[in-house]
Amino acid sequence: MAIKNPSKHVSFLWFVAISSFTHGGVMLYHAALNTIHISHLIGDVWILAGGLSLAIPLWQLKKYQD
């Protein structure tokens, strides 16, 4: 629903973007500190890019609404 009408669901989409970015950052941190968690670089850290790829269009949506 949120993707079909993003302007009505901006707060939810921002939550998804920020939580994805945060999760990816935490996994990157743990992978950097402990080599046991190095698999997170392959499995979870790509979520950083997912959060960023959602945040950029949301930021542009805000500019066009103002």
N, C-alpha and C. Protein backbone atom coordinates (compact mmCIF):
# COMPACT_ATOMS: atom_id res chain seq x y z
N MET A 1 0.82 -1.19 0.00
CA MET A 1 0.00 0.00 0.00
C MET A 1 0.86 1.26 0.00
N ALA A 2 1.94 1.23 0.79
CA ALA A 2 2.77 2.41 0.93
C ALA A 2 3.49 2.76 -0.37
N ILE A 3 3.87 1.76 -1.13
CA ILE A 3 4.58 2.02 -2.39
C ILE A 3 3.64 2.61 -3.44
N LYS A 4 2.38 2.22 -3.41
CA LYS A 4 1.43 2.74 -4.39
C LYS A 4 1.12 4.21 -4.15
N ASN A 5 1.14 4.64 -2.90
CA ASN A 5 0.87 6.04 -2.58
C ASN A 5 1.85 6.49 -1.49
N PRO A 6 3.10 6.74 -1.86
CA PRO A 6 4.12 7.04 -0.86
C PRO A 6 3.88 8.34 -0.09
N SER A 7 3.22 9.30 -0.69
CA SER A 7 3.02 10.57 0.01
C SER A 7 2.10 10.44 1.22
N LYS A 8 1.26 9.41 1.26
CA LYS A 8 0.40 9.19 2.41
C LYS A 8 1.06 8.31 3.48
N HIS A 9 2.17 7.67 3.13
CA HIS A 9 2.83 6.74 4.05
C HIS A 9 4.29 7.10 4.27
N VAL A 10 4.60 8.37 4.24
CA VAL A 10 5.98 8.82 4.32
C VAL A 10 6.63 8.40 5.64
N SER A 11 5.92 8.53 6.75
CA SER A 11 6.54 8.19 8.03
C SER A 11 6.88 6.70 8.11
N PHE A 12 6.03 5.85 7.59
CA PHE A 12 6.32 4.42 7.59
C PHE A 12 7.53 4.12 6.70
N LEU A 13 7.58 4.73 5.53
CA LEU A 13 8.69 4.49 4.62
C LEU A 13 10.00 5.00 5.20
N TRP A 14 9.96 6.15 5.91
CA TRP A 14 11.17 6.65 6.58
C TRP A 14 11.61 5.67 7.66
N PHE A 15 10.65 5.10 8.40
CA PHE A 15 10.99 4.11 9.41
C PHE A 15 11.70 2.92 8.79
N VAL A 16 11.18 2.43 7.68
CA VAL A 16 11.79 1.28 7.00
C VAL A 16 13.20 1.64 6.53
N ALA A 17 13.38 2.82 5.96
CA ALA A 17 14.69 3.23 5.47
C ALA A 17 15.69 3.36 6.62
N ILE A 18 15.30 4.03 7.69
CA ILE A 18 16.23 4.25 8.80
C ILE A 18 16.53 2.96 9.54
N SER A 19 15.52 2.13 9.75
CA SER A 19 15.78 0.87 10.46
C SER A 19 16.64 -0.07 9.62
N SER A 20 16.46 -0.08 8.32
CA SER A 20 17.31 -0.91 7.46
C SER A 20 18.75 -0.42 7.49
N PHE A 21 18.92 0.87 7.40
CA PHE A 21 20.26 1.46 7.43
C PHE A 21 20.93 1.19 8.78
N THR A 22 20.19 1.33 9.86
CA THR A 22 20.73 1.09 11.20
C THR A 22 21.12 -0.37 11.38
N HIS A 23 20.26 -1.27 10.94
CA HIS A 23 20.56 -2.70 11.05
C HIS A 23 21.83 -3.04 10.27
N GLY A 24 21.94 -2.52 9.07
CA GLY A 24 23.14 -2.77 8.28
C GLY A 24 24.39 -2.20 8.94
N GLY A 25 24.26 -1.03 9.56
CA GLY A 25 25.40 -0.42 10.26
C GLY A 25 25.84 -1.24 11.46
N VAL A 26 24.90 -1.74 12.21
CA VAL A 26 25.22 -2.57 13.38
C VAL A 26 25.91 -3.86 12.93
N MET A 27 25.41 -4.46 11.88
CA MET A 27 26.04 -5.69 11.39
C MET A 27 27.44 -5.42 10.84
N LEU A 28 27.63 -4.28 10.20
CA LEU A 28 28.97 -3.91 9.72
C LEU A 28 29.91 -3.71 10.90
N TYR A 29 29.45 -3.08 11.95
CA TYR A 29 30.24 -2.86 13.15
C TYR A 29 30.67 -4.20 13.77
N HIS A 30 29.74 -5.11 13.91
CA HIS A 30 30.07 -6.41 14.50
C HIS A 30 31.00 -7.22 13.61
N ALA A 31 30.82 -7.12 12.32
CA ALA A 31 31.70 -7.84 11.40
C ALA A 31 33.11 -7.28 11.44
N ALA A 32 33.23 -5.97 11.64
CA ALA A 32 34.55 -5.34 11.71
C ALA A 32 35.27 -5.70 13.01
N LEU A 33 34.54 -5.87 14.10
CA LEU A 33 35.15 -6.15 15.39
C LEU A 33 35.52 -7.62 15.59
N ASN A 34 34.74 -8.51 15.01
CA ASN A 34 34.93 -9.92 15.28
C ASN A 34 34.86 -10.70 13.97
N THR A 35 35.92 -11.37 13.63
CA THR A 35 35.96 -12.07 12.34
C THR A 35 34.96 -13.23 12.26
N ILE A 36 34.44 -13.66 13.40
CA ILE A 36 33.40 -14.70 13.37
C ILE A 36 32.16 -14.20 12.64
N HIS A 37 31.91 -12.90 12.71
CA HIS A 37 30.73 -12.31 12.09
C HIS A 37 31.00 -11.77 10.68
N ILE A 38 32.09 -12.17 10.08
CA ILE A 38 32.45 -11.66 8.76
C ILE A 38 31.40 -12.02 7.70
N SER A 39 30.64 -13.08 7.94
CA SER A 39 29.60 -13.45 6.98
C SER A 39 28.52 -12.37 6.88
N HIS A 40 28.42 -11.51 7.88
CA HIS A 40 27.45 -10.42 7.81
C HIS A 40 27.78 -9.44 6.69
N LEU A 41 29.05 -9.36 6.33
CA LEU A 41 29.41 -8.48 5.22
C LEU A 41 28.72 -8.94 3.94
N ILE A 42 28.53 -10.23 3.80
CA ILE A 42 27.87 -10.76 2.61
C ILE A 42 26.36 -10.81 2.80
N GLY A 43 25.91 -11.17 4.00
CA GLY A 43 24.49 -11.41 4.21
C GLY A 43 23.65 -10.22 4.61
N ASP A 44 24.15 -9.37 5.50
CA ASP A 44 23.31 -8.31 6.06
C ASP A 44 23.71 -6.89 5.69
N VAL A 45 24.96 -6.65 5.45
CA VAL A 45 25.40 -5.28 5.27
C VAL A 45 24.85 -4.65 3.99
N TRP A 46 24.46 -5.45 3.03
CA TRP A 46 23.86 -4.89 1.81
C TRP A 46 22.58 -4.13 2.13
N ILE A 47 22.01 -4.39 3.32
CA ILE A 47 20.81 -3.67 3.74
C ILE A 47 21.10 -2.17 3.88
N LEU A 48 22.36 -1.81 4.14
CA LEU A 48 22.75 -0.40 4.17
C LEU A 48 22.36 0.29 2.87
N ALA A 49 22.67 -0.35 1.77
CA ALA A 49 22.33 0.22 0.47
C ALA A 49 20.82 0.26 0.26
N GLY A 50 20.11 -0.74 0.78
CA GLY A 50 18.65 -0.74 0.66
C GLY A 50 18.02 0.42 1.40
N GLY A 51 18.50 0.69 2.61
CA GLY A 51 17.98 1.84 3.36
C GLY A 51 18.29 3.14 2.66
N LEU A 52 19.48 3.25 2.13
CA LEU A 52 19.87 4.47 1.42
C LEU A 52 19.07 4.63 0.13
N SER A 53 18.86 3.53 -0.57
CA SER A 53 18.12 3.62 -1.83
C SER A 53 16.65 3.97 -1.62
N LEU A 54 16.13 3.75 -0.42
CA LEU A 54 14.77 4.18 -0.10
C LEU A 54 14.75 5.61 0.41
N ALA A 55 15.79 6.01 1.14
CA ALA A 55 15.83 7.34 1.73
C ALA A 55 15.99 8.43 0.67
N ILE A 56 16.74 8.18 -0.37
CA ILE A 56 16.97 9.20 -1.40
C ILE A 56 15.67 9.60 -2.10
N PRO A 57 14.86 8.65 -2.58
CA PRO A 57 13.59 9.07 -3.19
C PRO A 57 12.64 9.75 -2.19
N LEU A 58 12.68 9.32 -0.92
CA LEU A 58 11.83 9.97 0.08
C LEU A 58 12.24 11.42 0.29
N TRP A 59 13.55 11.66 0.30
CA TRP A 59 14.04 13.03 0.45
C TRP A 59 13.59 13.87 -0.76
N GLN A 60 13.68 13.31 -1.95
CA GLN A 60 13.25 14.02 -3.15
C GLN A 60 11.75 14.26 -3.14
N LEU A 61 10.98 13.31 -2.62
CA LEU A 61 9.53 13.47 -2.50
C LEU A 61 9.21 14.65 -1.60
N LYS A 62 9.94 14.79 -0.51
CA LYS A 62 9.73 15.90 0.42
C LYS A 62 10.01 17.24 -0.27
N LYS A 63 11.08 17.29 -1.08
CA LYS A 63 11.41 18.54 -1.78
C LYS A 63 10.29 18.96 -2.73
N TYR A 64 9.69 18.01 -3.40
CA TYR A 64 8.65 18.33 -4.37
C TYR A 64 7.32 18.67 -3.70
N GLN A 65 7.11 18.21 -2.47
CA GLN A 65 5.87 18.52 -1.77
C GLN A 65 5.89 19.91 -1.15
N ASP A 66 7.07 20.42 -0.83
CA ASP A 66 7.17 21.75 -0.19
C ASP A 66 6.95 22.87 -1.15
